[in-house]
Amino acid sequence: MTCREFAEFIAQYLASELPSAQQEAFDRHLSLCTNCARYLEQYRRTMELSRLAFDKDEAPLPADVPEELVEAILRARKAVRPS
């Protein structure tokens, strides 16, 4: 497991959507890599703050918000939402 691989699959990791061998590799990497452990914590915090910022689904979005950003936020919200 590399740091790049960790960053590429972080959403699936948090959602426990990875095969068990890959999930274990992520866990092992986290135990050895302080940079990725910090990145994971910041990622979780960012997702939590974004959830709070857009807590009301019916709130209108500004017209200049790129559609790609909206889609990325919605995907991330699904990935980190507790079951």
PDB file of N, CA and C in Angstrom:
ATOM      1  N   MET A   1       0.854  -1.175   0.000  1.00  0.00           N
ATOM      2  CA  MET A   1       0.000   0.000   0.000  1.00  0.00           C
ATOM      3  C   MET A   1       0.894   1.230   0.000  1.00  0.00           C
ATOM      4  N   THR A   2       0.603   2.136  -0.915  1.00  0.00           N
ATOM      5  CA  THR A   2       1.328   3.402  -0.971  1.00  0.00           C
ATOM      6  C   THR A   2       0.417   4.530  -0.496  1.00  0.00           C
ATOM      7  N   CYS A   3       1.013   5.673  -0.220  1.00  0.00           N
ATOM      8  CA  CYS A   3       0.220   6.841   0.189  1.00  0.00           C
ATOM      9  C   CYS A   3      -0.727   7.258  -0.935  1.00  0.00           C
ATOM     10  N   ARG A   4      -0.277   7.178  -2.163  1.00  0.00           N
ATOM     11  CA  ARG A   4      -1.131   7.535  -3.303  1.00  0.00           C
ATOM     12  C   ARG A   4      -2.334   6.602  -3.384  1.00  0.00           C
ATOM     13  N   GLU A   5      -2.113   5.300  -3.213  1.00  0.00           N
ATOM     14  CA  GLU A   5      -3.224   4.345  -3.236  1.00  0.00           C
ATOM     15  C   GLU A   5      -4.198   4.637  -2.091  1.00  0.00           C
ATOM     16  N   PHE A   6      -3.651   4.971  -0.938  1.00  0.00           N
ATOM     17  CA  PHE A   6      -4.500   5.291   0.199  1.00  0.00           C
ATOM     18  C   PHE A   6      -5.407   6.470  -0.135  1.00  0.00           C
ATOM     19  N   ALA A   7      -4.837   7.527  -0.694  1.00  0.00           N
ATOM     20  CA  ALA A   7      -5.609   8.726  -1.036  1.00  0.00           C
ATOM     21  C   ALA A   7      -6.657   8.434  -2.104  1.00  0.00           C
ATOM     22  N   GLU A   8      -6.338   7.564  -3.054  1.00  0.00           N
ATOM     23  CA  GLU A   8      -7.263   7.254  -4.144  1.00  0.00           C
ATOM     24  C   GLU A   8      -8.500   6.483  -3.668  1.00  0.00           C
ATOM     25  N   PHE A   9      -8.352   5.702  -2.624  1.00  0.00           N
ATOM     26  CA  PHE A   9      -9.438   4.830  -2.185  1.00  0.00           C
ATOM     27  C   PHE A   9      -9.961   5.158  -0.789  1.00  0.00           C
ATOM     28  N   ILE A  10      -9.673   6.363  -0.310  1.00  0.00           N
ATOM     29  CA  ILE A  10     -10.040   6.704   1.065  1.00  0.00           C
ATOM     30  C   ILE A  10     -11.555   6.642   1.297  1.00  0.00           C
ATOM     31  N   ALA A  11     -12.342   7.087   0.343  1.00  0.00           N
ATOM     32  CA  ALA A  11     -13.799   7.063   0.518  1.00  0.00           C
ATOM     33  C   ALA A  11     -14.304   5.624   0.644  1.00  0.00           C
ATOM     34  N   GLN A  12     -13.801   4.735  -0.190  1.00  0.00           N
ATOM     35  CA  GLN A  12     -14.208   3.330  -0.103  1.00  0.00           C
ATOM     36  C   GLN A  12     -13.718   2.699   1.204  1.00  0.00           C
ATOM     37  N   TYR A  13     -12.541   3.108   1.636  1.00  0.00           N
ATOM     38  CA  TYR A  13     -12.014   2.612   2.909  1.00  0.00           C
ATOM     39  C   TYR A  13     -12.944   2.998   4.051  1.00  0.00           C
ATOM     40  N   LEU A  14     -13.317   4.263   4.107  1.00  0.00           N
ATOM     41  CA  LEU A  14     -14.185   4.732   5.184  1.00  0.00           C
ATOM     42  C   LEU A  14     -15.565   4.092   5.138  1.00  0.00           C
ATOM     43  N   ALA A  15     -16.021   3.768   3.953  1.00  0.00           N
ATOM     44  CA  ALA A  15     -17.330   3.134   3.805  1.00  0.00           C
ATOM     45  C   ALA A  15     -17.258   1.612   3.958  1.00  0.00           C
ATOM     46  N   SER A  16     -16.062   1.096   4.231  1.00  0.00           N
ATOM     47  CA  SER A  16     -15.836  -0.353   4.359  1.00  0.00           C
ATOM     48  C   SER A  16     -16.296  -1.096   3.111  1.00  0.00           C
ATOM     49  N   GLU A  17     -16.011  -0.510   1.950  1.00  0.00           N
ATOM     50  CA  GLU A  17     -16.407  -1.113   0.679  1.00  0.00           C
ATOM     51  C   GLU A  17     -15.252  -1.814  -0.030  1.00  0.00           C
ATOM     52  N   LEU A  18     -14.113  -1.926   0.622  1.00  0.00           N
ATOM     53  CA  LEU A  18     -12.966  -2.579   0.011  1.00  0.00           C
ATOM     54  C   LEU A  18     -12.955  -4.060   0.364  1.00  0.00           C
ATOM     55  N   PRO A  19     -12.374  -4.878  -0.505  1.00  0.00           N
ATOM     56  CA  PRO A  19     -12.187  -6.288  -0.136  1.00  0.00           C
ATOM     57  C   PRO A  19     -11.366  -6.360   1.155  1.00  0.00           C
ATOM     58  N   SER A  20     -11.582  -7.386   1.948  1.00  0.00           N
ATOM     59  CA  SER A  20     -10.951  -7.468   3.269  1.00  0.00           C
ATOM     60  C   SER A  20      -9.424  -7.382   3.205  1.00  0.00           C
ATOM     61  N   ALA A  21      -8.810  -7.977   2.209  1.00  0.00           N
ATOM     62  CA  ALA A  21      -7.348  -7.912   2.103  1.00  0.00           C
ATOM     63  C   ALA A  21      -6.874  -6.475   1.890  1.00  0.00           C
ATOM     64  N   GLN A  22      -7.598  -5.739   1.057  1.00  0.00           N
ATOM     65  CA  GLN A  22      -7.219  -4.351   0.806  1.00  0.00           C
ATOM     66  C   GLN A  22      -7.517  -3.487   2.039  1.00  0.00           C
ATOM     67  N   GLN A  23      -8.617  -3.755   2.722  1.00  0.00           N
ATOM     68  CA  GLN A  23      -8.949  -3.033   3.958  1.00  0.00           C
ATOM     69  C   GLN A  23      -7.848  -3.250   4.993  1.00  0.00           C
ATOM     70  N   GLU A  24      -7.373  -4.467   5.114  1.00  0.00           N
ATOM     71  CA  GLU A  24      -6.289  -4.780   6.049  1.00  0.00           C
ATOM     72  C   GLU A  24      -5.004  -4.065   5.654  1.00  0.00           C
ATOM     73  N   ALA A  25      -4.737  -3.988   4.341  1.00  0.00           N
ATOM     74  CA  ALA A  25      -3.550  -3.260   3.875  1.00  0.00           C
ATOM     75  C   ALA A  25      -3.644  -1.782   4.235  1.00  0.00           C
ATOM     76  N   PHE A  26      -4.830  -1.207   4.115  1.00  0.00           N
ATOM     77  CA  PHE A  26      -5.030   0.188   4.509  1.00  0.00           C
ATOM     78  C   PHE A  26      -4.766   0.348   6.010  1.00  0.00           C
ATOM     79  N   ASP A  27      -5.331  -0.538   6.810  1.00  0.00           N
ATOM     80  CA  ASP A  27      -5.135  -0.462   8.258  1.00  0.00           C
ATOM     81  C   ASP A  27      -3.652  -0.570   8.618  1.00  0.00           C
ATOM     82  N   ARG A  28      -2.969  -1.479   7.964  1.00  0.00           N
ATOM     83  CA  ARG A  28      -1.540  -1.669   8.210  1.00  0.00           C
ATOM     84  C   ARG A  28      -0.771  -0.396   7.820  1.00  0.00           C
ATOM     85  N   HIS A  29      -1.114   0.162   6.658  1.00  0.00           N
ATOM     86  CA  HIS A  29      -0.455   1.384   6.204  1.00  0.00           C
ATOM     87  C   HIS A  29      -0.694   2.521   7.199  1.00  0.00           C
ATOM     88  N   LEU A  30      -1.925   2.651   7.676  1.00  0.00           N
ATOM     89  CA  LEU A  30      -2.242   3.701   8.653  1.00  0.00           C
ATOM     90  C   LEU A  30      -1.430   3.560   9.932  1.00  0.00           C
ATOM     91  N   SER A  31      -1.182   2.335  10.346  1.00  0.00           N
ATOM     92  CA  SER A  31      -0.426   2.126  11.579  1.00  0.00           C
ATOM     93  C   SER A  31       1.044   2.513  11.420  1.00  0.00           C
ATOM     94  N   LEU A  32       1.509   2.581  10.178  1.00  0.00           N
ATOM     95  CA  LEU A  32       2.917   2.896   9.918  1.00  0.00           C
ATOM     96  C   LEU A  32       3.149   4.303   9.382  1.00  0.00           C
ATOM     97  N   CYS A  33       2.139   4.916   8.818  1.00  0.00           N
ATOM     98  CA  CYS A  33       2.315   6.185   8.107  1.00  0.00           C
ATOM     99  C   CYS A  33       1.574   7.318   8.827  1.00  0.00           C
ATOM    100  N   THR A  34       2.303   8.146   9.532  1.00  0.00           N
ATOM    101  CA  THR A  34       1.665   9.244  10.265  1.00  0.00           C
ATOM    102  C   THR A  34       1.054  10.272   9.315  1.00  0.00           C
ATOM    103  N   ASN A  35       1.642  10.451   8.144  1.00  0.00           N
ATOM    104  CA  ASN A  35       1.077  11.401   7.182  1.00  0.00           C
ATOM    105  C   ASN A  35      -0.313  10.969   6.728  1.00  0.00           C
ATOM    106  N   CYS A  36      -0.482   9.708   6.418  1.00  0.00           N
ATOM    107  CA  CYS A  36      -1.791   9.219   5.987  1.00  0.00           C
ATOM    108  C   CYS A  36      -2.779   9.206   7.152  1.00  0.00           C
ATOM    109  N   ALA A  37      -2.309   8.913   8.346  1.00  0.00           N
ATOM    110  CA  ALA A  37      -3.190   8.947   9.513  1.00  0.00           C
ATOM    111  C   ALA A  37      -3.716  10.370   9.720  1.00  0.00           C
ATOM    112  N   ARG A  38      -2.851  11.368   9.561  1.00  0.00           N
ATOM    113  CA  ARG A  38      -3.290  12.762   9.675  1.00  0.00           C
ATOM    114  C   ARG A  38      -4.226  13.120   8.533  1.00  0.00           C
ATOM    115  N   TYR A  39      -3.897  12.652   7.333  1.00  0.00           N
ATOM    116  CA  TYR A  39      -4.743  12.923   6.167  1.00  0.00           C
ATOM    117  C   TYR A  39      -6.143  12.345   6.386  1.00  0.00           C
ATOM    118  N   LEU A  40      -6.203  11.136   6.886  1.00  0.00           N
ATOM    119  CA  LEU A  40      -7.488  10.491   7.154  1.00  0.00           C
ATOM    120  C   LEU A  40      -8.292  11.303   8.165  1.00  0.00           C
ATOM    121  N   GLU A  41      -7.655  11.747   9.235  1.00  0.00           N
ATOM    122  CA  GLU A  41      -8.352  12.533  10.246  1.00  0.00           C
ATOM    123  C   GLU A  41      -8.862  13.845   9.655  1.00  0.00           C
ATOM    124  N   GLN A  42      -8.052  14.507   8.850  1.00  0.00           N
ATOM    125  CA  GLN A  42      -8.466  15.755   8.218  1.00  0.00           C
ATOM    126  C   GLN A  42      -9.595  15.512   7.217  1.00  0.00           C
ATOM    127  N   TYR A  43      -9.522  14.412   6.500  1.00  0.00           N
ATOM    128  CA  TYR A  43     -10.569  14.055   5.545  1.00  0.00           C
ATOM    129  C   TYR A  43     -11.894  13.855   6.282  1.00  0.00           C
ATOM    130  N   ARG A  44     -11.856  13.102   7.366  1.00  0.00           N
ATOM    131  CA  ARG A  44     -13.074  12.883   8.161  1.00  0.00           C
ATOM    132  C   ARG A  44     -13.635  14.209   8.673  1.00  0.00           C
ATOM    133  N   ARG A  45     -12.749  15.071   9.156  1.00  0.00           N
ATOM    134  CA  ARG A  45     -13.182  16.367   9.686  1.00  0.00           C
ATOM    135  C   ARG A  45     -13.783  17.233   8.578  1.00  0.00           C
ATOM    136  N   THR A  46     -13.167  17.224   7.417  1.00  0.00           N
ATOM    137  CA  THR A  46     -13.686  17.993   6.285  1.00  0.00           C
ATOM    138  C   THR A  46     -15.068  17.505   5.892  1.00  0.00           C
ATOM    139  N   MET A  47     -15.251  16.197   5.850  1.00  0.00           N
ATOM    140  CA  MET A  47     -16.557  15.653   5.493  1.00  0.00           C
ATOM    141  C   MET A  47     -17.597  16.018   6.541  1.00  0.00           C
ATOM    142  N   GLU A  48     -17.210  15.997   7.801  1.00  0.00           N
ATOM    143  CA  GLU A  48     -18.134  16.371   8.871  1.00  0.00           C
ATOM    144  C   GLU A  48     -18.526  17.843   8.737  1.00  0.00           C
ATOM    145  N   LEU A  49     -17.556  18.701   8.490  1.00  0.00           N
ATOM    146  CA  LEU A  49     -17.856  20.125   8.324  1.00  0.00           C
ATOM    147  C   LEU A  49     -18.716  20.379   7.094  1.00  0.00           C
ATOM    148  N   SER A  50     -18.470  19.643   6.025  1.00  0.00           N
ATOM    149  CA  SER A  50     -19.288  19.830   4.827  1.00  0.00           C
ATOM    150  C   SER A  50     -20.721  19.373   5.080  1.00  0.00           C
ATOM    151  N   ARG A  51     -20.871  18.328   5.878  1.00  0.00           N
ATOM    152  CA  ARG A  51     -22.214  17.875   6.237  1.00  0.00           C
ATOM    153  C   ARG A  51     -22.938  18.958   7.034  1.00  0.00           C
ATOM    154  N   LEU A  52     -22.229  19.573   7.949  1.00  0.00           N
ATOM    155  CA  LEU A  52     -22.834  20.629   8.751  1.00  0.00           C
ATOM    156  C   LEU A  52     -23.164  21.850   7.901  1.00  0.00           C
ATOM    157  N   ALA A  53     -22.302  22.158   6.945  1.00  0.00           N
ATOM    158  CA  ALA A  53     -22.520  23.319   6.093  1.00  0.00           C
ATOM    159  C   ALA A  53     -23.734  23.131   5.193  1.00  0.00           C
ATOM    160  N   PHE A  54     -23.994  21.897   4.803  1.00  0.00           N
ATOM    161  CA  PHE A  54     -25.112  21.598   3.921  1.00  0.00           C
ATOM    162  C   PHE A  54     -26.100  20.691   4.627  1.00  0.00           C
ATOM    163  N   ASP A  55     -26.370  20.992   5.887  1.00  0.00           N
ATOM    164  CA  ASP A  55     -27.241  20.153   6.704  1.00  0.00           C
ATOM    165  C   ASP A  55     -28.673  20.119   6.186  1.00  0.00           C
ATOM    166  N   LYS A  56     -29.100  21.186   5.581  1.00  0.00           N
ATOM    167  CA  LYS A  56     -30.465  21.237   5.059  1.00  0.00           C
ATOM    168  C   LYS A  56     -30.425  20.985   3.555  1.00  0.00           C
ATOM    169  N   ASP A  57     -30.887  19.819   3.161  1.00  0.00           N
ATOM    170  CA  ASP A  57     -30.860  19.433   1.751  1.00  0.00           C
ATOM    171  C   ASP A  57     -31.653  20.382   0.867  1.00  0.00           C
ATOM    172  N   GLU A  58     -32.672  21.021   1.420  1.00  0.00           N
ATOM    173  CA  GLU A  58     -33.504  21.900   0.604  1.00  0.00           C
ATOM    174  C   GLU A  58     -32.914  23.306   0.442  1.00  0.00           C
ATOM    175  N   ALA A  59     -31.806  23.607   1.123  1.00  0.00           N
ATOM    176  CA  ALA A  59     -31.189  24.927   1.004  1.00  0.00           C
ATOM    177  C   ALA A  59     -30.687  25.136  -0.423  1.00  0.00           C
ATOM    178  N   PRO A  60     -30.969  26.297  -1.019  1.00  0.00           N
ATOM    179  CA  PRO A  60     -30.528  26.546  -2.397  1.00  0.00           C
ATOM    180  C   PRO A  60     -29.013  26.739  -2.476  1.00  0.00           C
ATOM    181  N   LEU A  61     -28.430  26.266  -3.557  1.00  0.00           N
ATOM    182  CA  LEU A  61     -27.006  26.456  -3.805  1.00  0.00           C
ATOM    183  C   LEU A  61     -26.803  27.705  -4.650  1.00  0.00           C
ATOM    184  N   PRO A  62     -25.709  28.403  -4.411  1.00  0.00           N
ATOM    185  CA  PRO A  62     -25.399  29.529  -5.291  1.00  0.00           C
ATOM    186  C   PRO A  62     -25.245  29.048  -6.738  1.00  0.00           C
ATOM    187  N   ALA A  63     -25.606  29.875  -7.680  1.00  0.00           N
ATOM    188  CA  ALA A  63     -25.582  29.496  -9.100  1.00  0.00           C
ATOM    189  C   ALA A  63     -24.179  29.195  -9.614  1.00  0.00           C
ATOM    190  N   ASP A  64     -23.152  29.746  -8.963  1.00  0.00           N
ATOM    191  CA  ASP A  64     -21.790  29.564  -9.474  1.00  0.00           C
ATOM    192  C   ASP A  64     -21.070  28.333  -8.906  1.00  0.00           C
ATOM    193  N   VAL A  65     -21.778  27.484  -8.164  1.00  0.00           N
ATOM    194  CA  VAL A  65     -21.171  26.263  -7.635  1.00  0.00           C
ATOM    195  C   VAL A  65     -21.092  25.236  -8.762  1.00  0.00           C
ATOM    196  N   PRO A  66     -19.865  24.751  -9.071  1.00  0.00           N
ATOM    197  CA  PRO A  66     -19.732  23.762 -10.153  1.00  0.00           C
ATOM    198  C   PRO A  66     -20.466  22.458  -9.832  1.00  0.00           C
ATOM    199  N   GLU A  67     -21.131  21.898 -10.821  1.00  0.00           N
ATOM    200  CA  GLU A  67     -21.880  20.652 -10.652  1.00  0.00           C
ATOM    201  C   GLU A  67     -20.962  19.519 -10.194  1.00  0.00           C
ATOM    202  N   GLU A  68     -19.718  19.505 -10.676  1.00  0.00           N
ATOM    203  CA  GLU A  68     -18.759  18.468 -10.283  1.00  0.00           C
ATOM    204  C   GLU A  68     -18.493  18.520  -8.779  1.00  0.00           C
ATOM    205  N   LEU A  69     -18.432  19.728  -8.214  1.00  0.00           N
ATOM    206  CA  LEU A  69     -18.220  19.873  -6.775  1.00  0.00           C
ATOM    207  C   LEU A  69     -19.413  19.334  -6.001  1.00  0.00           C
ATOM    208  N   VAL A  70     -20.596  19.651  -6.442  1.00  0.00           N
ATOM    209  CA  VAL A  70     -21.807  19.160  -5.784  1.00  0.00           C
ATOM    210  C   VAL A  70     -21.824  17.633  -5.803  1.00  0.00           C
ATOM    211  N   GLU A  71     -21.522  17.041  -6.947  1.00  0.00           N
ATOM    212  CA  GLU A  71     -21.517  15.578  -7.063  1.00  0.00           C
ATOM    213  C   GLU A  71     -20.465  14.963  -6.151  1.00  0.00           C
ATOM    214  N   ALA A  72     -19.277  15.571  -6.081  1.00  0.00           N
ATOM    215  CA  ALA A  72     -18.206  15.051  -5.219  1.00  0.00           C
ATOM    216  C   ALA A  72     -18.611  15.115  -3.748  1.00  0.00           C
ATOM    217  N   ILE A  73     -19.238  16.204  -3.348  1.00  0.00           N
ATOM    218  CA  ILE A  73     -19.687  16.337  -1.959  1.00  0.00           C
ATOM    219  C   ILE A  73     -20.748  15.298  -1.632  1.00  0.00           C
ATOM    220  N   LEU A  74     -21.684  15.095  -2.539  1.00  0.00           N
ATOM    221  CA  LEU A  74     -22.740  14.099  -2.293  1.00  0.00           C
ATOM    222  C   LEU A  74     -22.168  12.692  -2.202  1.00  0.00           C
ATOM    223  N   ARG A  75     -21.198  12.362  -3.069  1.00  0.00           N
ATOM    224  CA  ARG A  75     -20.554  11.041  -2.996  1.00  0.00           C
ATOM    225  C   ARG A  75     -19.819  10.881  -1.672  1.00  0.00           C
ATOM    226  N   ALA A  76     -19.104  11.909  -1.261  1.00  0.00           N
ATOM    227  CA  ALA A  76     -18.343  11.848  -0.013  1.00  0.00           C
ATOM    228  C   ALA A  76     -19.279  11.729   1.188  1.00  0.00           C
ATOM    229  N   ARG A  77     -20.397  12.441   1.150  1.00  0.00           N
ATOM    230  CA  ARG A  77     -21.361  12.358   2.254  1.00  0.00           C
ATOM    231  C   ARG A  77     -21.868  10.936   2.413  1.00  0.00           C
ATOM    232  N   LYS A  78     -22.152  10.281   1.284  1.00  0.00           N
ATOM    233  CA  LYS A  78     -22.633   8.896   1.337  1.00  0.00           C
ATOM    234  C   LYS A  78     -21.552   7.976   1.916  1.00  0.00           C
ATOM    235  N   ALA A  79     -20.307   8.250   1.571  1.00  0.00           N
ATOM    236  CA  ALA A  79     -19.208   7.382   1.979  1.00  0.00           C
ATOM    237  C   ALA A  79     -18.922   7.464   3.475  1.00  0.00           C
ATOM    238  N   VAL A  80     -19.138   8.605   4.085  1.00  0.00           N
ATOM    239  CA  VAL A  80     -18.783   8.750   5.498  1.00  0.00           C
ATOM    240  C   VAL A  80     -19.981   8.790   6.421  1.00  0.00           C
ATOM    241  N   ARG A  81     -21.170   8.715   5.883  1.00  0.00           N
ATOM    242  CA  ARG A  81     -22.383   8.725   6.710  1.00  0.00           C
ATOM    243  C   ARG A  81     -22.463   7.428   7.508  1.00  0.00           C
ATOM    244  N   PRO A  82     -22.660   7.534   8.828  1.00  0.00           N
ATOM    245  CA  PRO A  82     -22.797   6.311   9.616  1.00  0.00           C
ATOM    246  C   PRO A  82     -24.028   5.520   9.213  1.00  0.00           C
ATOM    247  N   SER A  83     -23.928   4.218   9.301  1.00  0.00           N
ATOM    248  CA  SER A  83     -25.053   3.343   8.933  1.00  0.00           C
ATOM    249  C   SER A  83     -26.105   3.326   9.991  1.00  0.00           C
TER     250      SER A  83
END
